[in-house]
Amino acid sequence: MPRKLIKRYLPDRHAIGQYKPLKIFGRLLHDPNLWHLNRNSTSGAVAVGLFLAFMPIPFQMLPAAALAIMLRLNLPLAVALVWVTNPLTIPPLFYFCYRIGAWVIGYVGDDMAFAWSWEWFRLQLGQVWEPFLIGSSIVASFSALLGYFGMRTLWRWRVMREWENRKKARAKNRAAQRRQMSSRSTQRSQVHLKNRAE
């Protein structure tokens, strides 16, 4: 199971509890189910974190924590994944969302020359908000579905691989025990034959 890999990179319970905006959840953060890693809590947390990462809302960690608490998902993973969009990745990812939305609704933007003015900003924002929000919703939904089913598939694959490894190890141990038992019985037979011969 990818439990060890995920635990290695997740913040611990104490670090999350000390984050001031999350203190509004108070005692709810003490629910042990929010800190366990299993296939359901992990895949759900990945979906919530990736969905909110692509939504253009401020303070994405708060809705991620609220959804993780309501749905009883892994809290650290849901909160950590909203940082897929960070100050370095927001411009290219949100531009990608805008391009997806523009393509879906067939919007061809005007090539308006850049100007440092509120009027320019207001006009541009008025033109791009619809394709941007549609594209963000599409990319968020797609990444959440991909993350959810990808994590479930990865988890299942790892479990199956561990079962196969255990099965091979058991077969190897059984074969070694059989060889050992057959060598003992051969030794006993030889001793018995030797005693008969004498």
Foldseek 3Di string as FASTA:
>chain_A
DCVVVVVVPFDDLVVVCPPVVVCVCPPLSVPVLQADDDLVQQLQLQLLQLLLLLAPDPPSLVVQQVVCSVVSHHNRSNNVSSVVPDPVNVVVSLVQLLVQLCVVVVNDDDPDDDDPDPVVVVVVCVRRVRSSNNSSNVSSNVSSVCSNVVSNVVNVVVVVVVVVVVVVVVVVVVVVVVVVVVVVVVVVVVVVVVVVVD
